[in-house]
Amino acid sequence: MNDFLASFLFYMVPANLIAITIIFLGRRKDVHFNFIEYLFIYLPWFGFVALVYVIFGGLDGVPSMPVIKVFLIILQSIGSGIMGGAILMPRLVMRESKMHPVGITAISATIVTVLYVKFRMMLFIMVEGLASTVD
């Protein structure tokens, strides 16, 4: 299986579980989400893929140690999925706001993605340094 497909599948499970839970909770509180807002939950995965391309040159360029490959594909995808699903949470908190709902979700998605990429970049640089000392 392609590494990007595996990464996306591991991302989709927690992101969709959390997003669907937030959507159902929002319906109980009379907050209705647009379909375009649901698509914003995939932004952290695109940030993850872009970061892997910048640091390693793609998932094929990840050091050949199986532990690092599993760490990047599975654990980081699940972590970004949890953050991606939580992008819809500010809509529940700001349900009385006069701001457009898609704007709230877009700002939330941008902030979560930037924070995720910022902290993972430091981690990936350490992984790259670790792999260069082991090889």
N, C-alpha and C. Protein backbone atom coordinates (compact mmCIF):
# COMPACT_ATOMS: atom_id res chain seq x y z
N MET A 1 0.85 -1.17 0.00
CA MET A 1 0.00 0.00 0.00
C MET A 1 0.90 1.24 0.00
N ASN A 2 0.47 2.26 -0.70
CA ASN A 2 1.20 3.51 -0.76
C ASN A 2 1.27 4.13 0.64
N ASP A 3 2.42 4.71 0.97
CA ASP A 3 2.59 5.30 2.30
C ASP A 3 1.65 6.48 2.54
N PHE A 4 1.40 7.26 1.49
CA PHE A 4 0.48 8.39 1.64
C PHE A 4 -0.94 7.91 1.88
N LEU A 5 -1.33 6.85 1.21
CA LEU A 5 -2.68 6.30 1.42
C LEU A 5 -2.82 5.76 2.83
N ALA A 6 -1.80 5.04 3.29
CA ALA A 6 -1.83 4.53 4.67
C ALA A 6 -1.89 5.68 5.67
N SER A 7 -1.11 6.72 5.42
CA SER A 7 -1.12 7.88 6.30
C SER A 7 -2.49 8.55 6.30
N PHE A 8 -3.10 8.67 5.13
CA PHE A 8 -4.42 9.30 5.04
C PHE A 8 -5.49 8.46 5.74
N LEU A 9 -5.41 7.15 5.61
CA LEU A 9 -6.38 6.29 6.28
C LEU A 9 -6.25 6.38 7.80
N PHE A 10 -5.00 6.40 8.28
CA PHE A 10 -4.80 6.55 9.72
C PHE A 10 -5.22 7.93 10.20
N TYR A 11 -5.19 8.93 9.32
CA TYR A 11 -5.65 10.27 9.67
C TYR A 11 -7.18 10.34 9.72
N MET A 12 -7.81 9.69 8.76
CA MET A 12 -9.26 9.81 8.62
C MET A 12 -10.03 9.25 9.81
N VAL A 13 -9.55 8.18 10.39
CA VAL A 13 -10.31 7.54 11.47
C VAL A 13 -10.51 8.47 12.67
N PRO A 14 -9.43 8.97 13.31
CA PRO A 14 -9.70 9.85 14.46
C PRO A 14 -10.31 11.19 14.06
N ALA A 15 -9.92 11.72 12.90
CA ALA A 15 -10.47 13.01 12.48
C ALA A 15 -11.98 12.91 12.28
N ASN A 16 -12.43 11.87 11.62
CA ASN A 16 -13.87 11.72 11.39
C ASN A 16 -14.63 11.37 12.65
N LEU A 17 -14.04 10.56 13.52
CA LEU A 17 -14.72 10.24 14.77
C LEU A 17 -14.94 11.48 15.62
N ILE A 18 -13.92 12.30 15.74
CA ILE A 18 -14.06 13.51 16.55
C ILE A 18 -14.97 14.52 15.86
N ALA A 19 -14.82 14.69 14.54
CA ALA A 19 -15.65 15.65 13.81
C ALA A 19 -17.12 15.26 13.85
N ILE A 20 -17.42 14.00 13.67
CA ILE A 20 -18.82 13.56 13.70
C ILE A 20 -19.41 13.72 15.09
N THR A 21 -18.61 13.46 16.11
CA THR A 21 -19.08 13.68 17.48
C THR A 21 -19.40 15.16 17.71
N ILE A 22 -18.53 16.04 17.22
CA ILE A 22 -18.77 17.48 17.38
C ILE A 22 -19.99 17.91 16.58
N ILE A 23 -20.17 17.35 15.39
CA ILE A 23 -21.33 17.70 14.57
C ILE A 23 -22.63 17.27 15.25
N PHE A 24 -22.65 16.06 15.82
CA PHE A 24 -23.86 15.61 16.52
C PHE A 24 -24.11 16.43 17.79
N LEU A 25 -23.05 16.78 18.49
CA LEU A 25 -23.20 17.63 19.66
C LEU A 25 -23.71 19.01 19.25
N GLY A 26 -23.22 19.51 18.11
CA GLY A 26 -23.69 20.80 17.61
C GLY A 26 -25.15 20.79 17.23
N ARG A 27 -25.63 19.68 16.69
CA ARG A 27 -27.06 19.59 16.34
C ARG A 27 -27.93 19.65 17.58
N ARG A 28 -27.45 19.08 18.67
CA ARG A 28 -28.21 19.16 19.92
C ARG A 28 -28.28 20.58 20.44
N LYS A 29 -27.26 21.39 20.10
CA LYS A 29 -27.22 22.78 20.55
C LYS A 29 -27.63 23.75 19.45
N ASP A 30 -28.27 23.26 18.41
CA ASP A 30 -28.75 24.07 17.27
C ASP A 30 -27.63 24.78 16.51
N VAL A 31 -26.51 24.11 16.36
CA VAL A 31 -25.41 24.59 15.53
C VAL A 31 -25.33 23.67 14.33
N HIS A 32 -25.53 24.23 13.14
CA HIS A 32 -25.51 23.41 11.93
C HIS A 32 -24.26 23.73 11.13
N PHE A 33 -23.57 22.68 10.73
CA PHE A 33 -22.31 22.82 10.01
C PHE A 33 -22.55 22.69 8.51
N ASN A 34 -21.83 23.51 7.73
CA ASN A 34 -21.85 23.40 6.28
C ASN A 34 -20.89 22.30 5.84
N PHE A 35 -21.10 21.78 4.64
CA PHE A 35 -20.21 20.74 4.13
C PHE A 35 -18.79 21.27 3.95
N ILE A 36 -18.66 22.52 3.55
CA ILE A 36 -17.33 23.09 3.33
C ILE A 36 -16.54 23.14 4.64
N GLU A 37 -17.24 23.31 5.76
CA GLU A 37 -16.56 23.32 7.05
C GLU A 37 -16.01 21.94 7.39
N TYR A 38 -16.72 20.92 6.98
CA TYR A 38 -16.25 19.56 7.22
C TYR A 38 -14.94 19.31 6.47
N LEU A 39 -14.79 19.88 5.30
CA LEU A 39 -13.57 19.68 4.52
C LEU A 39 -12.34 20.30 5.17
N PHE A 40 -12.55 21.29 6.02
CA PHE A 40 -11.41 21.92 6.70
C PHE A 40 -10.69 20.97 7.65
N ILE A 41 -11.33 19.88 8.07
CA ILE A 41 -10.65 18.98 9.01
C ILE A 41 -9.49 18.25 8.35
N TYR A 42 -9.40 18.29 7.02
CA TYR A 42 -8.31 17.60 6.34
C TYR A 42 -7.09 18.50 6.14
N LEU A 43 -7.15 19.75 6.54
CA LEU A 43 -6.03 20.67 6.37
C LEU A 43 -4.78 20.26 7.14
N PRO A 44 -4.86 19.78 8.39
CA PRO A 44 -3.63 19.35 9.07
C PRO A 44 -2.94 18.18 8.36
N TRP A 45 -3.67 17.30 7.69
CA TRP A 45 -3.02 16.22 6.97
C TRP A 45 -2.21 16.77 5.80
N PHE A 46 -2.77 17.76 5.11
CA PHE A 46 -2.01 18.38 4.02
C PHE A 46 -0.76 19.08 4.57
N GLY A 47 -0.88 19.68 5.75
CA GLY A 47 0.30 20.26 6.39
C GLY A 47 1.32 19.21 6.75
N PHE A 48 0.87 18.06 7.22
CA PHE A 48 1.76 16.94 7.54
C PHE A 48 2.49 16.47 6.29
N VAL A 49 1.76 16.30 5.19
CA VAL A 49 2.37 15.83 3.94
C VAL A 49 3.37 16.86 3.42
N ALA A 50 3.00 18.14 3.47
CA ALA A 50 3.91 19.18 3.01
C ALA A 50 5.18 19.21 3.86
N LEU A 51 5.03 19.02 5.16
CA LEU A 51 6.19 19.02 6.04
C LEU A 51 7.10 17.83 5.76
N VAL A 52 6.52 16.68 5.50
CA VAL A 52 7.33 15.51 5.17
C VAL A 52 8.08 15.74 3.86
N TYR A 53 7.44 16.38 2.90
CA TYR A 53 8.13 16.70 1.65
C TYR A 53 9.27 17.68 1.87
N VAL A 54 9.07 18.68 2.71
CA VAL A 54 10.11 19.68 2.95
C VAL A 54 11.30 19.07 3.69
N ILE A 55 11.03 18.30 4.73
CA ILE A 55 12.11 17.76 5.57
C ILE A 55 12.78 16.55 4.92
N PHE A 56 11.99 15.59 4.43
CA PHE A 56 12.54 14.34 3.95
C PHE A 56 12.52 14.19 2.43
N GLY A 57 11.85 15.06 1.72
CA GLY A 57 11.72 14.91 0.28
C GLY A 57 10.65 13.91 -0.11
N GLY A 58 9.71 13.63 0.78
CA GLY A 58 8.63 12.68 0.53
C GLY A 58 8.74 11.52 1.50
N LEU A 59 7.69 10.72 1.55
CA LEU A 59 7.71 9.57 2.47
C LEU A 59 8.70 8.50 2.03
N ASP A 60 9.09 8.52 0.76
CA ASP A 60 10.12 7.57 0.31
C ASP A 60 11.49 7.97 0.82
N GLY A 61 11.67 9.24 1.13
CA GLY A 61 12.95 9.73 1.61
C GLY A 61 13.12 9.62 3.11
N VAL A 62 12.11 9.11 3.80
CA VAL A 62 12.21 8.92 5.25
C VAL A 62 13.28 7.88 5.52
N PRO A 63 14.09 8.08 6.54
CA PRO A 63 15.13 7.10 6.84
C PRO A 63 14.57 5.68 6.89
N SER A 64 15.39 4.73 6.46
CA SER A 64 14.90 3.37 6.26
C SER A 64 14.68 2.58 7.54
N MET A 65 14.87 3.20 8.67
CA MET A 65 14.62 2.48 9.93
C MET A 65 13.11 2.26 10.07
N PRO A 66 12.66 1.02 10.27
CA PRO A 66 11.21 0.75 10.35
C PRO A 66 10.52 1.50 11.48
N VAL A 67 11.21 1.74 12.57
CA VAL A 67 10.60 2.42 13.70
C VAL A 67 10.24 3.86 13.31
N ILE A 68 11.12 4.52 12.59
CA ILE A 68 10.86 5.90 12.19
C ILE A 68 9.73 5.95 11.17
N LYS A 69 9.71 4.99 10.25
CA LYS A 69 8.66 4.96 9.22
C LYS A 69 7.29 4.75 9.87
N VAL A 70 7.20 3.81 10.81
CA VAL A 70 5.95 3.55 11.52
C VAL A 70 5.56 4.77 12.35
N PHE A 71 6.54 5.38 12.99
CA PHE A 71 6.29 6.58 13.79
C PHE A 71 5.69 7.68 12.94
N LEU A 72 6.24 7.91 11.78
CA LEU A 72 5.77 9.00 10.93
C LEU A 72 4.41 8.69 10.32
N ILE A 73 4.26 7.49 9.80
CA ILE A 73 3.03 7.18 9.06
C ILE A 73 1.85 6.98 10.00
N ILE A 74 2.05 6.24 11.06
CA ILE A 74 0.91 5.88 11.91
C ILE A 74 0.70 6.89 13.04
N LEU A 75 1.69 7.07 13.87
CA LEU A 75 1.48 7.88 15.06
C LEU A 75 1.25 9.35 14.74
N GLN A 76 2.02 9.90 13.81
CA GLN A 76 1.84 11.31 13.48
C GLN A 76 0.54 11.55 12.73
N SER A 77 0.13 10.58 11.93
CA SER A 77 -1.15 10.73 11.22
C SER A 77 -2.31 10.70 12.20
N ILE A 78 -2.24 9.82 13.18
CA ILE A 78 -3.30 9.77 14.19
C ILE A 78 -3.32 11.05 15.02
N GLY A 79 -2.14 11.56 15.37
CA GLY A 79 -2.06 12.81 16.14
C GLY A 79 -2.63 13.99 15.38
N SER A 80 -2.31 14.07 14.11
CA SER A 80 -2.86 15.19 13.33
C SER A 80 -4.35 14.98 13.08
N GLY A 81 -4.81 13.74 13.04
CA GLY A 81 -6.24 13.46 12.90
C GLY A 81 -7.04 13.92 14.10
N ILE A 82 -6.48 13.74 15.27
CA ILE A 82 -7.16 14.21 16.48
C ILE A 82 -7.26 15.73 16.47
N MET A 83 -6.18 16.38 16.08
CA MET A 83 -6.21 17.84 16.00
C MET A 83 -7.13 18.31 14.87
N GLY A 84 -7.14 17.56 13.77
CA GLY A 84 -7.98 17.93 12.64
C GLY A 84 -9.46 17.84 12.97
N GLY A 85 -9.84 16.82 13.71
CA GLY A 85 -11.24 16.69 14.10
C GLY A 85 -11.69 17.79 15.04
N ALA A 86 -10.77 18.29 15.84
CA ALA A 86 -11.11 19.33 16.82
C ALA A 86 -11.23 20.71 16.18
N ILE A 87 -10.98 20.82 14.88
CA ILE A 87 -11.10 22.12 14.20
C ILE A 87 -12.52 22.66 14.29
N LEU A 88 -13.50 21.79 14.35
CA LEU A 88 -14.89 22.23 14.38
C LEU A 88 -15.35 22.70 15.77
N MET A 89 -14.55 22.47 16.78
CA MET A 89 -14.94 22.80 18.15
C MET A 89 -15.24 24.29 18.40
N PRO A 90 -14.49 25.24 17.83
CA PRO A 90 -14.81 26.64 18.10
C PRO A 90 -16.21 27.06 17.66
N ARG A 91 -16.79 26.37 16.72
CA ARG A 91 -18.16 26.69 16.32
C ARG A 91 -19.14 26.46 17.45
N LEU A 92 -18.87 25.45 18.28
CA LEU A 92 -19.76 25.20 19.42
C LEU A 92 -19.59 26.27 20.49
N VAL A 93 -18.36 26.72 20.66
CA VAL A 93 -18.08 27.72 21.69
C VAL A 93 -18.60 29.10 21.26
N MET A 94 -18.49 29.40 19.98
CA MET A 94 -18.86 30.73 19.47
C MET A 94 -20.18 30.68 18.69
N ARG A 95 -21.14 29.95 19.16
CA ARG A 95 -22.37 29.78 18.40
C ARG A 95 -23.22 31.04 18.34
N GLU A 96 -23.03 31.97 19.25
CA GLU A 96 -23.79 33.22 19.25
C GLU A 96 -23.04 34.35 18.54
N SER A 97 -21.91 34.04 17.94
CA SER A 97 -21.08 35.06 17.28
C SER A 97 -21.75 35.58 16.02
N LYS A 98 -21.47 36.83 15.69
CA LYS A 98 -22.01 37.43 14.48
C LYS A 98 -21.10 37.16 13.27
N MET A 99 -19.95 36.57 13.52
CA MET A 99 -19.02 36.25 12.44
C MET A 99 -19.57 35.09 11.61
N HIS A 100 -19.24 35.07 10.33
CA HIS A 100 -19.73 34.00 9.46
C HIS A 100 -19.16 32.66 9.94
N PRO A 101 -19.98 31.61 10.01
CA PRO A 101 -19.52 30.31 10.53
C PRO A 101 -18.34 29.72 9.76
N VAL A 102 -18.31 29.88 8.46
CA VAL A 102 -17.20 29.33 7.68
C VAL A 102 -15.91 30.08 8.03
N GLY A 103 -16.03 31.37 8.33
CA GLY A 103 -14.85 32.14 8.74
C GLY A 103 -14.28 31.65 10.05
N ILE A 104 -15.15 31.32 10.99
CA ILE A 104 -14.69 30.78 12.28
C ILE A 104 -13.95 29.47 12.07
N THR A 105 -14.51 28.60 11.25
CA THR A 105 -13.87 27.31 11.00
C THR A 105 -12.57 27.48 10.22
N ALA A 106 -12.53 28.41 9.27
CA ALA A 106 -11.30 28.64 8.50
C ALA A 106 -10.18 29.16 9.39
N ILE A 107 -10.50 30.08 10.28
CA ILE A 107 -9.49 30.59 11.21
C ILE A 107 -9.01 29.47 12.13
N SER A 108 -9.93 28.68 12.64
CA SER A 108 -9.57 27.55 13.50
C SER A 108 -8.68 26.56 12.76
N ALA A 109 -9.02 26.25 11.52
CA ALA A 109 -8.22 25.30 10.74
C ALA A 109 -6.82 25.83 10.48
N THR A 110 -6.72 27.11 10.18
CA THR A 110 -5.41 27.70 9.92
C THR A 110 -4.54 27.68 11.17
N ILE A 111 -5.11 28.06 12.30
CA ILE A 111 -4.34 28.09 13.55
C ILE A 111 -3.89 26.70 13.95
N VAL A 112 -4.79 25.73 13.89
CA VAL A 112 -4.44 24.36 14.28
C VAL A 112 -3.37 23.80 13.35
N THR A 113 -3.49 24.04 12.05
CA THR A 113 -2.51 23.53 11.10
C THR A 113 -1.15 24.16 11.31
N VAL A 114 -1.11 25.46 11.51
CA VAL A 114 0.17 26.14 11.72
C VAL A 114 0.84 25.65 13.00
N LEU A 115 0.07 25.52 14.07
CA LEU A 115 0.66 25.02 15.32
C LEU A 115 1.14 23.58 15.18
N TYR A 116 0.35 22.74 14.51
CA TYR A 116 0.76 21.35 14.32
C TYR A 116 2.06 21.28 13.51
N VAL A 117 2.11 22.02 12.41
CA VAL A 117 3.30 21.98 11.55
C VAL A 117 4.51 22.55 12.29
N LYS A 118 4.30 23.58 13.07
CA LYS A 118 5.42 24.20 13.80
C LYS A 118 6.07 23.21 14.76
N PHE A 119 5.27 22.54 15.56
CA PHE A 119 5.84 21.64 16.54
C PHE A 119 6.34 20.33 15.91
N ARG A 120 5.69 19.88 14.86
CA ARG A 120 6.16 18.66 14.21
C ARG A 120 7.43 18.91 13.41
N MET A 121 7.63 20.14 12.94
CA MET A 121 8.85 20.44 12.21
C MET A 121 10.07 20.26 13.12
N MET A 122 9.97 20.71 14.35
CA MET A 122 11.07 20.52 15.30
C MET A 122 11.31 19.04 15.54
N LEU A 123 10.23 18.27 15.66
CA LEU A 123 10.35 16.83 15.89
C LEU A 123 10.97 16.14 14.68
N PHE A 124 10.53 16.49 13.48
CA PHE A 124 11.05 15.84 12.27
C PHE A 124 12.51 16.18 12.04
N ILE A 125 12.93 17.39 12.40
CA ILE A 125 14.35 17.73 12.27
C ILE A 125 15.18 16.89 13.22
N MET A 126 14.67 16.62 14.43
CA MET A 126 15.39 15.74 15.35
C MET A 126 15.43 14.31 14.81
N VAL A 127 14.35 13.85 14.18
CA VAL A 127 14.34 12.51 13.59
C VAL A 127 15.36 12.42 12.47
N GLU A 128 15.44 13.46 11.64
CA GLU A 128 16.42 13.48 10.56
C GLU A 128 17.84 13.45 11.12
N GLY A 129 18.10 14.19 12.19
CA GLY A 129 19.41 14.16 12.83
C GLY A 129 19.72 12.82 13.44
N LEU A 130 18.74 12.19 14.06
CA LEU A 130 18.92 10.87 14.65
C LEU A 130 19.23 9.83 13.58
N ALA A 131 18.53 9.91 12.48
CA ALA A 131 18.75 8.93 11.41
C ALA A 131 20.11 9.11 10.76
N SER A 132 20.59 10.35 10.69
CA SER A 132 21.91 10.56 10.07
C SER A 132 23.02 10.06 10.97
N THR A 133 22.83 10.06 12.29
CA THR A 133 23.88 9.55 13.19
C THR A 133 23.86 8.03 13.25
N VAL A 134 22.72 7.41 13.02
CA VAL A 134 22.63 5.95 13.09
C VAL A 134 23.17 5.30 11.83
N ASP A 135 22.90 5.91 10.67
CA ASP A 135 23.32 5.29 9.39
C ASP A 135 24.80 5.31 9.21
